[in-house]
Amino acid sequence: MGLEDRLLAALLLGGGRAPLKRLSGELGVPESDLLGAAMSLAARGYPLRVERGLLELRPADDLSVAGACAARLGTSLRFSVVYLERCGSTQDAARELAERGVAEGAVVVAEVQEAGRGRLGRSWHSAAGGVYATVVLRPPLRALRVLSLAASVAVTRVLELLGLDAKVKWPNDVQVSGRKVCGVLVEAAAEPGGVAYALVGIGLNVNNELPPELAGAATTLRELLGRPVPRLPLFLKLLEELDDVYARVREGRWGEVLREWRSKSSTLGRIVRVETPESAFTGLAVDVREDGALLIRLENGKIKEFYSGDVIHLR
C-alpha cells in the first residue's frame, strides 16, 4: 500500500481528521512526506485540508459535492456524478440517463432509495447513511458477464484499505465475517451487435441503520469499525478502484481481475447448494470461468456451470 493510501486509510479510520504529528508517528514517516501525500490526494479531488498541523477531510460526509471532487480524480473514466437526495432506485435514474445517450462514467448517487433493489428482483434496504450508486458503462459484449465480479473486487479493495478482511460470495455479495456489507447489481441493454449500456449498481452499508430482521445476515462499516466512516472520500476511492478494474476488463485483461476475485472468494472450495428457478444442485464449487460462470462438481462427478442463482454455503 502506497503512502497516499495509508494516509487516506488512517483518516477514514480516524473519522476524517488527525494531527500531522501523531500520523507521522503512527505511520512511521516524516511529516514532510505526509504533507506531500496530502497534497497529492487533494490534487486528485479528495477534500483534504491542512490547517495548524491538523489534516482533515472536509467535507467528509457530504455526497452532494461528489461531482466536483470526482471530476478531478484523473481516472480513465471521466466520472460525472448526479446527486439525488431521494429516488426510487439509482438503477432507474441511471437508466434514464443511459437511454438519453449519456457518456459512460455517469454516476447517480442517492442519499435514500425508496425502491432499491438487488439481484433476482429482491428489495435493498436503503436508509440514509449508506452509499447507493449506479455507474453507466458501455462495455464490449465480451466483457459484460464479468462486470459484476470486477465491481465486487473494487469494493473489496476499498474495504481492505480499512483493514477489513472482505470476501466475495459468488457472484458479487461482499461480506465481512460472513455478513453482507455490500451488494452489486448489473443490468444491461442490448443493441444490434453489442451492448448499448450496462448499469453497475452498488449498495454499500456504511453508517446507515439496518432493519432488525437483517441483523444476523448483514452489517455496516460503522458496526464493524466501531465508529462512523466519512462517506465522501470512501465514495471517491470506490470510483478509483472501479475505474482500475473496468480498464482491465475493457482491455481484455479480465484474467487479472478474476485471479484477484478467486483470491477473495468465500465460495470456491466449499460444498454449496445452488438454487435456480428450475431446481437446486449440490456440489463442490471448483472455479469461476473467464465469462463469470461458477463451476460446480456435482455429487455424480459432473461439472455444471451456473450464470445465475442463489448460492448457499453448506460447509
C-alpha atoms as a PDB file:
ATOM      1  CA  MET A   1       0.000   0.000   0.000  1.00  0.00           C
ATOM      2  CA  GLY A   2       1.413   3.380  -1.019  1.00  0.00           C
ATOM      3  CA  LEU A   3       1.754   6.305   1.351  1.00  0.00           C
ATOM      4  CA  GLU A   4      -1.270   8.120  -0.085  1.00  0.00           C
ATOM      5  CA  ASP A   5      -3.491   5.115   0.541  1.00  0.00           C
ATOM      6  CA  ARG A   6      -2.027   4.627   4.016  1.00  0.00           C
ATOM      7  CA  LEU A   7      -2.770   8.255   4.828  1.00  0.00           C
ATOM      8  CA  LEU A   8      -6.278   8.013   3.412  1.00  0.00           C
ATOM      9  CA  ALA A   9      -6.934   4.845   5.420  1.00  0.00           C
ATOM     10  CA  ALA A  10      -5.721   6.482   8.638  1.00  0.00           C
ATOM     11  CA  LEU A  11      -8.012   9.449   8.090  1.00  0.00           C
ATOM     12  CA  LEU A  12     -11.005   7.273   7.222  1.00  0.00           C
ATOM     13  CA  LEU A  13     -10.468   5.159  10.318  1.00  0.00           C
ATOM     14  CA  GLY A  14      -9.979   8.282  12.419  1.00  0.00           C
ATOM     15  CA  GLY A  15     -13.265   9.864  11.455  1.00  0.00           C
ATOM     16  CA  GLY A  16     -11.759  12.211   8.884  1.00  0.00           C
ATOM     17  CA  ARG A  17      -9.168  14.139  10.898  1.00  0.00           C
ATOM     18  CA  ALA A  18      -5.895  13.637  12.750  1.00  0.00           C
ATOM     19  CA  PRO A  19      -2.892  15.697  13.906  1.00  0.00           C
ATOM     20  CA  LEU A  20       0.007  15.577  11.471  1.00  0.00           C
ATOM     21  CA  LYS A  21       2.484  14.831  14.240  1.00  0.00           C
ATOM     22  CA  ARG A  22       0.500  11.852  15.502  1.00  0.00           C
ATOM     23  CA  LEU A  23       0.073  10.432  11.997  1.00  0.00           C
ATOM     24  CA  SER A  24       3.787  10.781  11.396  1.00  0.00           C
ATOM     25  CA  GLY A  25       4.471   8.607  14.401  1.00  0.00           C
ATOM     26  CA  GLU A  26       1.746   6.067  13.650  1.00  0.00           C
ATOM     27  CA  LEU A  27       2.755   5.639  10.015  1.00  0.00           C
ATOM     28  CA  GLY A  28       6.481   5.897  10.646  1.00  0.00           C
ATOM     29  CA  VAL A  29       7.158   8.571   8.008  1.00  0.00           C
ATOM     30  CA  PRO A  30       8.400  12.166   8.231  1.00  0.00           C
ATOM     31  CA  GLU A  31       5.837  14.945   8.437  1.00  0.00           C
ATOM     32  CA  SER A  32       7.167  16.369   5.166  1.00  0.00           C
ATOM     33  CA  ASP A  33       6.354  13.106   3.368  1.00  0.00           C
ATOM     34  CA  LEU A  34       2.853  13.101   4.815  1.00  0.00           C
ATOM     35  CA  LEU A  35       2.308  16.662   3.653  1.00  0.00           C
ATOM     36  CA  GLY A  36       3.379  15.638   0.163  1.00  0.00           C
ATOM     37  CA  ALA A  37       0.934  12.716   0.200  1.00  0.00           C
ATOM     38  CA  ALA A  38      -1.812  15.015   1.469  1.00  0.00           C
ATOM     39  CA  MET A  39      -1.178  17.497  -1.340  1.00  0.00           C
ATOM     40  CA  SER A  40      -1.297  14.669  -3.882  1.00  0.00           C
ATOM     41  CA  LEU A  41      -4.629  13.412  -2.511  1.00  0.00           C
ATOM     42  CA  ALA A  42      -6.026  16.935  -2.601  1.00  0.00           C
ATOM     43  CA  ALA A  43      -4.895  17.355  -6.214  1.00  0.00           C
ATOM     44  CA  ARG A  44      -6.788  14.149  -7.067  1.00  0.00           C
ATOM     45  CA  GLY A  45     -10.013  15.610  -5.730  1.00  0.00           C
ATOM     46  CA  TYR A  46     -10.054  14.370  -2.151  1.00  0.00           C
ATOM     47  CA  PRO A  47     -11.309  17.184   0.138  1.00  0.00           C
ATOM     48  CA  LEU A  48      -8.207  17.152   2.310  1.00  0.00           C
ATOM     49  CA  ARG A  49      -7.098  20.284   4.138  1.00  0.00           C
ATOM     50  CA  VAL A  50      -4.080  21.055   6.281  1.00  0.00           C
ATOM     51  CA  GLU A  51      -4.506  23.693   8.954  1.00  0.00           C
ATOM     52  CA  ARG A  52      -2.319  24.310  12.011  1.00  0.00           C
ATOM     53  CA  GLY A  53      -0.839  20.839  11.991  1.00  0.00           C
ATOM     54  CA  LEU A  54      -4.180  19.116  11.537  1.00  0.00           C
ATOM     55  CA  LEU A  55      -5.083  17.010   8.498  1.00  0.00           C
ATOM     56  CA  GLU A  56      -8.801  16.973   7.878  1.00  0.00           C
ATOM     57  CA  LEU A  57     -11.180  15.611   5.256  1.00  0.00           C
ATOM     58  CA  ARG A  58     -13.713  18.414   4.889  1.00  0.00           C
ATOM     59  CA  PRO A  59     -16.444  17.987   3.908  1.00  0.00           C
ATOM     60  CA  ALA A  60     -16.207  14.370   4.986  1.00  0.00           C
ATOM     61  CA  ASP A  61     -19.747  13.099   4.560  1.00  0.00           C
ATOM     62  CA  ASP A  62     -21.394  15.444   2.058  1.00  0.00           C
ATOM     63  CA  LEU A  63     -22.055  13.453  -1.109  1.00  0.00           C
ATOM     64  CA  SER A  64     -23.663  16.482  -2.761  1.00  0.00           C
ATOM     65  CA  VAL A  65     -20.172  17.767  -3.630  1.00  0.00           C
ATOM     66  CA  ALA A  66     -19.000  14.414  -5.019  1.00  0.00           C
ATOM     67  CA  GLY A  67     -19.372  15.630  -8.602  1.00  0.00           C
ATOM     68  CA  ALA A  68     -16.813  18.410  -8.255  1.00  0.00           C
ATOM     69  CA  CYS A  69     -14.414  16.075  -6.438  1.00  0.00           C
ATOM     70  CA  ALA A  70     -14.795  13.165  -8.882  1.00  0.00           C
ATOM     71  CA  ALA A  71     -14.096  15.426 -11.859  1.00  0.00           C
ATOM     72  CA  ARG A  72     -10.542  15.869 -10.539  1.00  0.00           C
ATOM     73  CA  LEU A  73      -9.728  12.195  -9.882  1.00  0.00           C
ATOM     74  CA  GLY A  74      -7.623  11.760 -13.007  1.00  0.00           C
ATOM     75  CA  THR A  75      -9.197   8.403 -13.793  1.00  0.00           C
ATOM     76  CA  SER A  76      -9.529   6.877 -17.255  1.00  0.00           C
ATOM     77  CA  LEU A  77     -13.287   7.201 -16.999  1.00  0.00           C
ATOM     78  CA  ARG A  78     -14.476  10.777 -16.751  1.00  0.00           C
ATOM     79  CA  PHE A  79     -16.902  10.457 -13.886  1.00  0.00           C
ATOM     80  CA  SER A  80     -19.886  12.781 -13.968  1.00  0.00           C
ATOM     81  CA  VAL A  81     -21.873  12.491 -10.738  1.00  0.00           C
ATOM     82  CA  VAL A  82     -25.574  13.237 -10.394  1.00  0.00           C
ATOM     83  CA  TYR A  83     -26.538  13.611  -6.733  1.00  0.00           C
ATOM     84  CA  LEU A  84     -30.083  12.913  -5.553  1.00  0.00           C
ATOM     85  CA  GLU A  85     -31.359  13.302  -2.027  1.00  0.00           C
ATOM     86  CA  ARG A  86     -34.010  10.694  -2.687  1.00  0.00           C
ATOM     87  CA  CYS A  87     -35.059   8.484  -5.578  1.00  0.00           C
ATOM     88  CA  GLY A  88     -36.871   5.255  -6.301  1.00  0.00           C
ATOM     89  CA  SER A  89     -33.708   3.480  -7.441  1.00  0.00           C
ATOM     90  CA  THR A  90     -30.368   4.735  -8.698  1.00  0.00           C
ATOM     91  CA  GLN A  91     -30.596   1.975 -11.323  1.00  0.00           C
ATOM     92  CA  ASP A  92     -33.754   3.505 -12.773  1.00  0.00           C
ATOM     93  CA  ALA A  93     -32.383   7.053 -12.625  1.00  0.00           C
ATOM     94  CA  ALA A  94     -29.172   5.938 -14.349  1.00  0.00           C
ATOM     95  CA  ARG A  95     -31.153   4.039 -16.983  1.00  0.00           C
ATOM     96  CA  GLU A  96     -32.928   7.246 -17.962  1.00  0.00           C
ATOM     97  CA  LEU A  97     -29.562   8.937 -18.449  1.00  0.00           C
ATOM     98  CA  ALA A  98     -28.161   5.982 -20.405  1.00  0.00           C
ATOM     99  CA  GLU A  99     -31.127   5.886 -22.760  1.00  0.00           C
ATOM    100  CA  ARG A 100     -30.647   9.584 -23.446  1.00  0.00           C
ATOM    101  CA  GLY A 101     -27.097   8.804 -24.587  1.00  0.00           C
ATOM    102  CA  VAL A 102     -25.040   9.964 -21.615  1.00  0.00           C
ATOM    103  CA  ALA A 103     -21.352   9.075 -21.856  1.00  0.00           C
ATOM    104  CA  GLU A 104     -20.028   6.187 -19.801  1.00  0.00           C
ATOM    105  CA  GLY A 105     -18.774   7.298 -16.441  1.00  0.00           C
ATOM    106  CA  ALA A 106     -22.040   8.972 -15.498  1.00  0.00           C
ATOM    107  CA  VAL A 107     -22.869   8.123 -11.884  1.00  0.00           C
ATOM    108  CA  VAL A 108     -26.091   8.509  -9.939  1.00  0.00           C
ATOM    109  CA  VAL A 109     -25.669   8.558  -6.173  1.00  0.00           C
ATOM    110  CA  ALA A 110     -28.550   8.944  -3.730  1.00  0.00           C
ATOM    111  CA  GLU A 111     -28.901   9.505  -0.004  1.00  0.00           C
ATOM    112  CA  VAL A 112     -32.022   7.329   0.153  1.00  0.00           C
ATOM    113  CA  GLN A 113     -33.597   4.839  -2.239  1.00  0.00           C
ATOM    114  CA  GLU A 114     -37.302   4.295  -1.778  1.00  0.00           C
ATOM    115  CA  ALA A 115     -37.369   1.240  -4.034  1.00  0.00           C
ATOM    116  CA  GLY A 116     -33.796  -0.021  -4.054  1.00  0.00           C
ATOM    117  CA  ARG A 117     -33.353  -3.483  -5.450  1.00  0.00           C
ATOM    118  CA  GLY A 118     -30.792  -6.226  -5.547  1.00  0.00           C
ATOM    119  CA  ARG A 119     -30.302  -9.416  -7.531  1.00  0.00           C
ATOM    120  CA  LEU A 120     -33.256 -11.537  -8.609  1.00  0.00           C
ATOM    121  CA  GLY A 121     -35.686  -8.681  -8.030  1.00  0.00           C
ATOM    122  CA  ARG A 122     -35.162  -8.525  -4.276  1.00  0.00           C
ATOM    123  CA  SER A 123     -35.557  -5.245  -2.404  1.00  0.00           C
ATOM    124  CA  TRP A 124     -32.486  -3.492  -0.984  1.00  0.00           C
ATOM    125  CA  HIS A 125     -32.946  -1.588   2.261  1.00  0.00           C
ATOM    126  CA  SER A 126     -31.524   1.874   1.588  1.00  0.00           C
ATOM    127  CA  ALA A 127     -31.749   4.103   4.651  1.00  0.00           C
ATOM    128  CA  ALA A 128     -29.792   7.336   4.933  1.00  0.00           C
ATOM    129  CA  GLY A 129     -26.108   6.908   5.701  1.00  0.00           C
ATOM    130  CA  GLY A 130     -25.138   4.338   3.067  1.00  0.00           C
ATOM    131  CA  VAL A 131     -23.573   4.697  -0.365  1.00  0.00           C
ATOM    132  CA  TYR A 132     -26.091   3.839  -3.084  1.00  0.00           C
ATOM    133  CA  ALA A 133     -24.739   4.464  -6.563  1.00  0.00           C
ATOM    134  CA  THR A 134     -25.074   3.303 -10.153  1.00  0.00           C
ATOM    135  CA  VAL A 135     -22.401   3.823 -12.819  1.00  0.00           C
ATOM    136  CA  VAL A 136     -23.268   3.891 -16.522  1.00  0.00           C
ATOM    137  CA  LEU A 137     -20.790   1.923 -18.634  1.00  0.00           C
ATOM    138  CA  ARG A 138     -20.684   0.976 -22.317  1.00  0.00           C
ATOM    139  CA  PRO A 139     -18.505  -2.153 -22.326  1.00  0.00           C
ATOM    140  CA  PRO A 140     -17.761  -4.514 -25.209  1.00  0.00           C
ATOM    141  CA  LEU A 141     -20.095  -7.502 -25.260  1.00  0.00           C
ATOM    142  CA  ARG A 142     -17.344  -9.961 -24.329  1.00  0.00           C
ATOM    143  CA  ALA A 143     -16.765  -8.099 -21.061  1.00  0.00           C
ATOM    144  CA  LEU A 144     -20.355  -7.890 -19.886  1.00  0.00           C
ATOM    145  CA  ARG A 145     -20.512 -11.102 -17.871  1.00  0.00           C
ATOM    146  CA  VAL A 146     -17.521 -10.290 -15.694  1.00  0.00           C
ATOM    147  CA  LEU A 147     -18.597  -6.772 -14.758  1.00  0.00           C
ATOM    148  CA  SER A 148     -20.305  -7.848 -11.541  1.00  0.00           C
ATOM    149  CA  LEU A 149     -17.226  -9.836 -10.485  1.00  0.00           C
ATOM    150  CA  ALA A 150     -14.996  -6.875 -11.300  1.00  0.00           C
ATOM    151  CA  ALA A 151     -17.178  -4.464  -9.335  1.00  0.00           C
ATOM    152  CA  SER A 152     -17.091  -6.719  -6.284  1.00  0.00           C
ATOM    153  CA  VAL A 153     -13.283  -6.789  -6.489  1.00  0.00           C
ATOM    154  CA  ALA A 154     -13.261  -2.982  -6.457  1.00  0.00           C
ATOM    155  CA  VAL A 155     -15.395  -2.969  -3.312  1.00  0.00           C
ATOM    156  CA  THR A 156     -13.161  -5.476  -1.516  1.00  0.00           C
ATOM    157  CA  ARG A 157     -10.127  -3.295  -2.231  1.00  0.00           C
ATOM    158  CA  VAL A 158     -11.792  -0.346  -0.530  1.00  0.00           C
ATOM    159  CA  LEU A 159     -12.775  -2.423   2.495  1.00  0.00           C
ATOM    160  CA  GLU A 160      -9.267  -3.854   2.765  1.00  0.00           C
ATOM    161  CA  LEU A 161      -7.996  -0.273   2.900  1.00  0.00           C
ATOM    162  CA  LEU A 162      -9.986  -0.039   6.141  1.00  0.00           C
ATOM    163  CA  GLY A 163      -8.317  -3.166   7.474  1.00  0.00           C
ATOM    164  CA  LEU A 164     -11.325  -5.421   6.897  1.00  0.00           C
ATOM    165  CA  ASP A 165     -10.996  -8.988   5.621  1.00  0.00           C
ATOM    166  CA  ALA A 166     -13.568  -8.707   2.846  1.00  0.00           C
ATOM    167  CA  LYS A 167     -14.674 -11.776   0.914  1.00  0.00           C
ATOM    168  CA  VAL A 168     -16.961 -12.278  -2.079  1.00  0.00           C
ATOM    169  CA  LYS A 169     -19.766 -14.787  -2.113  1.00  0.00           C
ATOM    170  CA  TRP A 170     -20.490 -15.687  -5.718  1.00  0.00           C
ATOM    171  CA  PRO A 171     -21.328 -13.816  -7.760  1.00  0.00           C
ATOM    172  CA  ASN A 172     -20.970 -10.446  -6.060  1.00  0.00           C
ATOM    173  CA  ASP A 173     -22.087 -10.267  -2.429  1.00  0.00           C
ATOM    174  CA  VAL A 174     -19.280  -8.657  -0.438  1.00  0.00           C
ATOM    175  CA  GLN A 175     -19.129  -9.956   3.103  1.00  0.00           C
ATOM    176  CA  VAL A 176     -17.097  -9.477   6.252  1.00  0.00           C
ATOM    177  CA  SER A 177     -17.150 -12.355   8.740  1.00  0.00           C
ATOM    178  CA  GLY A 178     -19.940 -13.949   6.741  1.00  0.00           C
ATOM    179  CA  ARG A 179     -22.252 -10.924   6.941  1.00  0.00           C
ATOM    180  CA  LYS A 180     -23.193  -8.937   3.874  1.00  0.00           C
ATOM    181  CA  VAL A 181     -21.948  -5.374   3.742  1.00  0.00           C
ATOM    182  CA  CYS A 182     -22.335  -4.644   0.032  1.00  0.00           C
ATOM    183  CA  GLY A 183     -24.301  -5.879  -2.957  1.00  0.00           C
ATOM    184  CA  VAL A 184     -23.686  -5.378  -6.665  1.00  0.00           C
ATOM    185  CA  LEU A 185     -26.338  -5.385  -9.372  1.00  0.00           C
ATOM    186  CA  VAL A 186     -25.504  -5.264 -13.089  1.00  0.00           C
ATOM    187  CA  GLU A 187     -28.253  -4.659 -15.628  1.00  0.00           C
ATOM    188  CA  ALA A 188     -27.701  -4.178 -19.342  1.00  0.00           C
ATOM    189  CA  ALA A 189     -29.480  -3.249 -22.548  1.00  0.00           C
ATOM    190  CA  ALA A 190     -28.502  -4.750 -25.879  1.00  0.00           C
ATOM    191  CA  GLU A 191     -28.263  -3.247 -29.318  1.00  0.00           C
ATOM    192  CA  PRO A 192     -27.523  -4.943 -32.641  1.00  0.00           C
ATOM    193  CA  GLY A 193     -24.045  -6.412 -32.383  1.00  0.00           C
ATOM    194  CA  GLY A 194     -23.256  -5.358 -28.856  1.00  0.00           C
ATOM    195  CA  VAL A 195     -24.165  -3.695 -25.590  1.00  0.00           C
ATOM    196  CA  ALA A 196     -25.989  -0.367 -25.583  1.00  0.00           C
ATOM    197  CA  TYR A 197     -25.117   0.227 -21.942  1.00  0.00           C
ATOM    198  CA  ALA A 198     -24.542  -1.519 -18.636  1.00  0.00           C
ATOM    199  CA  LEU A 199     -25.637  -0.235 -15.241  1.00  0.00           C
ATOM    200  CA  VAL A 200     -23.364  -1.205 -12.357  1.00  0.00           C
ATOM    201  CA  GLY A 201     -25.235  -0.617  -9.119  1.00  0.00           C
ATOM    202  CA  ILE A 202     -23.504  -0.738  -5.750  1.00  0.00           C
ATOM    203  CA  GLY A 203     -25.206  -0.627  -2.383  1.00  0.00           C
ATOM    204  CA  LEU A 204     -22.681  -0.276   0.435  1.00  0.00           C
ATOM    205  CA  ASN A 205     -23.770  -0.226   4.065  1.00  0.00           C
ATOM    206  CA  VAL A 206     -21.710   2.486   5.734  1.00  0.00           C
ATOM    207  CA  ASN A 207     -23.361   4.452   8.539  1.00  0.00           C
ATOM    208  CA  ASN A 208     -26.960   3.502   7.828  1.00  0.00           C
ATOM    209  CA  GLU A 209     -29.309   1.665  10.154  1.00  0.00           C
ATOM    210  CA  LEU A 210     -30.375  -1.853   9.209  1.00  0.00           C
ATOM    211  CA  PRO A 211     -33.785  -3.336   9.984  1.00  0.00           C
ATOM    212  CA  PRO A 212     -33.799  -5.877  12.846  1.00  0.00           C
ATOM    213  CA  GLU A 213     -34.565  -8.784  10.519  1.00  0.00           C
ATOM    214  CA  LEU A 214     -31.202  -8.278   8.763  1.00  0.00           C
ATOM    215  CA  ALA A 215     -29.111  -8.152  11.937  1.00  0.00           C
ATOM    216  CA  GLY A 216     -27.676 -11.647  11.581  1.00  0.00           C
ATOM    217  CA  ALA A 217     -27.168 -11.597   7.827  1.00  0.00           C
ATOM    218  CA  ALA A 218     -25.923  -8.068   7.140  1.00  0.00           C
ATOM    219  CA  THR A 219     -23.744  -5.437   8.752  1.00  0.00           C
ATOM    220  CA  THR A 220     -22.419  -1.913   8.237  1.00  0.00           C
ATOM    221  CA  LEU A 221     -18.963  -0.377   8.228  1.00  0.00           C
ATOM    222  CA  ARG A 222     -19.907   1.650  11.286  1.00  0.00           C
ATOM    223  CA  GLU A 223     -20.739  -1.530  13.166  1.00  0.00           C
ATOM    224  CA  LEU A 224     -17.604  -3.323  12.012  1.00  0.00           C
ATOM    225  CA  LEU A 225     -15.245  -0.461  12.821  1.00  0.00           C
ATOM    226  CA  GLY A 226     -16.997   0.910  15.881  1.00  0.00           C
ATOM    227  CA  ARG A 227     -17.396   4.431  14.528  1.00  0.00           C
ATOM    228  CA  PRO A 228     -18.903   6.337  11.583  1.00  0.00           C
ATOM    229  CA  VAL A 229     -16.892   6.355   8.361  1.00  0.00           C
ATOM    230  CA  PRO A 230     -16.631   9.508   6.190  1.00  0.00           C
ATOM    231  CA  ARG A 231     -18.606   8.635   3.057  1.00  0.00           C
ATOM    232  CA  LEU A 232     -17.314  11.208   0.573  1.00  0.00           C
ATOM    233  CA  PRO A 233     -13.659  10.037   0.449  1.00  0.00           C
ATOM    234  CA  LEU A 234     -14.868   6.443   0.655  1.00  0.00           C
ATOM    235  CA  PHE A 235     -17.044   7.011  -2.427  1.00  0.00           C
ATOM    236  CA  LEU A 236     -14.176   8.673  -4.318  1.00  0.00           C
ATOM    237  CA  LYS A 237     -11.867   5.756  -3.537  1.00  0.00           C
ATOM    238  CA  LEU A 238     -14.538   3.349  -4.765  1.00  0.00           C
ATOM    239  CA  LEU A 239     -14.737   5.232  -8.074  1.00  0.00           C
ATOM    240  CA  GLU A 240     -10.956   4.997  -8.474  1.00  0.00           C
ATOM    241  CA  GLU A 241     -10.973   1.254  -7.885  1.00  0.00           C
ATOM    242  CA  LEU A 242     -13.918   0.762 -10.257  1.00  0.00           C
ATOM    243  CA  ASP A 243     -12.006   2.682 -12.894  1.00  0.00           C
ATOM    244  CA  ASP A 244      -8.998   0.397 -12.475  1.00  0.00           C
ATOM    245  CA  VAL A 245     -10.863  -2.911 -12.717  1.00  0.00           C
ATOM    246  CA  TYR A 246     -13.016  -1.664 -15.602  1.00  0.00           C
ATOM    247  CA  ALA A 247      -9.926  -0.598 -17.559  1.00  0.00           C
ATOM    248  CA  ARG A 248      -8.538  -4.118 -17.177  1.00  0.00           C
ATOM    249  CA  VAL A 249     -11.833  -5.640 -18.325  1.00  0.00           C
ATOM    250  CA  ARG A 250     -12.091  -3.365 -21.364  1.00  0.00           C
ATOM    251  CA  GLU A 251      -8.516  -4.171 -22.380  1.00  0.00           C
ATOM    252  CA  GLY A 252      -9.231  -7.902 -22.279  1.00  0.00           C
ATOM    253  CA  ARG A 253      -7.179  -8.364 -19.094  1.00  0.00           C
ATOM    254  CA  TRP A 254     -10.078  -9.810 -17.136  1.00  0.00           C
ATOM    255  CA  GLY A 255      -7.909 -12.783 -16.230  1.00  0.00           C
ATOM    256  CA  GLU A 256      -6.106 -10.451 -13.805  1.00  0.00           C
ATOM    257  CA  VAL A 257      -9.395  -9.396 -12.237  1.00  0.00           C
ATOM    258  CA  LEU A 258     -10.607 -12.988 -11.991  1.00  0.00           C
ATOM    259  CA  ARG A 259      -7.420 -14.078 -10.263  1.00  0.00           C
ATOM    260  CA  GLU A 260      -8.000 -11.374  -7.705  1.00  0.00           C
ATOM    261  CA  TRP A 261     -11.658 -12.390  -7.371  1.00  0.00           C
ATOM    262  CA  ARG A 262     -10.648 -16.012  -6.789  1.00  0.00           C
ATOM    263  CA  SER A 263      -8.227 -14.973  -4.054  1.00  0.00           C
ATOM    264  CA  LYS A 264     -11.073 -13.185  -2.264  1.00  0.00           C
ATOM    265  CA  SER A 265     -13.791 -15.748  -2.862  1.00  0.00           C
ATOM    266  CA  SER A 266     -15.606 -17.295   0.093  1.00  0.00           C
ATOM    267  CA  THR A 267     -17.372 -19.718  -2.265  1.00  0.00           C
ATOM    268  CA  LEU A 268     -14.627 -21.604  -4.084  1.00  0.00           C
ATOM    269  CA  GLY A 269     -13.524 -24.810  -2.399  1.00  0.00           C
ATOM    270  CA  ARG A 270     -16.752 -25.169  -0.430  1.00  0.00           C
ATOM    271  CA  ILE A 271     -19.704 -27.510  -0.651  1.00  0.00           C
ATOM    272  CA  VAL A 272     -22.618 -25.365  -1.789  1.00  0.00           C
ATOM    273  CA  ARG A 273     -26.198 -25.588  -2.901  1.00  0.00           C
ATOM    274  CA  VAL A 274     -27.122 -23.543  -5.960  1.00  0.00           C
ATOM    275  CA  GLU A 275     -30.808 -22.741  -6.184  1.00  0.00           C
ATOM    276  CA  THR A 276     -32.214 -21.819  -9.582  1.00  0.00           C
ATOM    277  CA  PRO A 277     -35.815 -21.298 -10.718  1.00  0.00           C
ATOM    278  CA  GLU A 278     -35.762 -24.821 -12.168  1.00  0.00           C
ATOM    279  CA  SER A 279     -34.118 -26.814  -9.409  1.00  0.00           C
ATOM    280  CA  ALA A 280     -31.397 -26.966  -6.750  1.00  0.00           C
ATOM    281  CA  PHE A 281     -27.962 -28.516  -7.173  1.00  0.00           C
ATOM    282  CA  THR A 282     -25.386 -29.510  -4.559  1.00  0.00           C
ATOM    283  CA  GLY A 283     -21.679 -29.940  -5.089  1.00  0.00           C
ATOM    284  CA  LEU A 284     -18.184 -28.560  -4.712  1.00  0.00           C
ATOM    285  CA  ALA A 285     -17.507 -25.040  -6.046  1.00  0.00           C
ATOM    286  CA  VAL A 286     -14.337 -25.611  -8.031  1.00  0.00           C
ATOM    287  CA  ASP A 287     -13.759 -22.473 -10.096  1.00  0.00           C
ATOM    288  CA  VAL A 288     -15.087 -19.429 -11.928  1.00  0.00           C
ATOM    289  CA  ARG A 289     -14.606 -19.247 -15.694  1.00  0.00           C
ATOM    290  CA  GLU A 290     -13.496 -16.174 -17.591  1.00  0.00           C
ATOM    291  CA  ASP A 291     -17.107 -15.472 -18.549  1.00  0.00           C
ATOM    292  CA  GLY A 292     -18.093 -15.378 -14.871  1.00  0.00           C
ATOM    293  CA  ALA A 293     -19.757 -18.795 -14.718  1.00  0.00           C
ATOM    294  CA  LEU A 294     -19.491 -20.692 -11.438  1.00  0.00           C
ATOM    295  CA  LEU A 295     -18.359 -24.293 -11.931  1.00  0.00           C
ATOM    296  CA  ILE A 296     -19.774 -26.882  -9.548  1.00  0.00           C
ATOM    297  CA  ARG A 297     -18.684 -30.511  -9.345  1.00  0.00           C
ATOM    298  CA  LEU A 298     -21.967 -32.274  -8.641  1.00  0.00           C
ATOM    299  CA  GLU A 299     -22.333 -35.335  -6.458  1.00  0.00           C
ATOM    300  CA  ASN A 300     -22.256 -37.525  -9.585  1.00  0.00           C
ATOM    301  CA  GLY A 301     -18.853 -36.097 -10.508  1.00  0.00           C
ATOM    302  CA  LYS A 302     -20.043 -33.999 -13.447  1.00  0.00           C
ATOM    303  CA  ILE A 303     -19.183 -30.310 -13.774  1.00  0.00           C
ATOM    304  CA  LYS A 304     -22.142 -27.964 -14.128  1.00  0.00           C
ATOM    305  CA  GLU A 305     -21.902 -24.253 -14.895  1.00  0.00           C
ATOM    306  CA  PHE A 306     -24.105 -21.541 -13.422  1.00  0.00           C
ATOM    307  CA  TYR A 307     -24.508 -17.963 -14.590  1.00  0.00           C
ATOM    308  CA  SER A 308     -27.122 -17.042 -12.010  1.00  0.00           C
ATOM    309  CA  GLY A 309     -28.796 -18.446  -8.941  1.00  0.00           C
ATOM    310  CA  ASP A 310     -28.655 -18.322  -5.163  1.00  0.00           C
ATOM    311  CA  VAL A 311     -25.597 -19.914  -3.587  1.00  0.00           C
ATOM    312  CA  ILE A 312     -25.890 -21.330  -0.078  1.00  0.00           C
ATOM    313  CA  HIS A 313     -22.653 -22.315   1.645  1.00  0.00           C
ATOM    314  CA  LEU A 314     -23.100 -25.703   3.302  1.00  0.00           C
ATOM    315  CA  ARG A 315     -19.594 -26.369   4.584  1.00  0.00           C
END
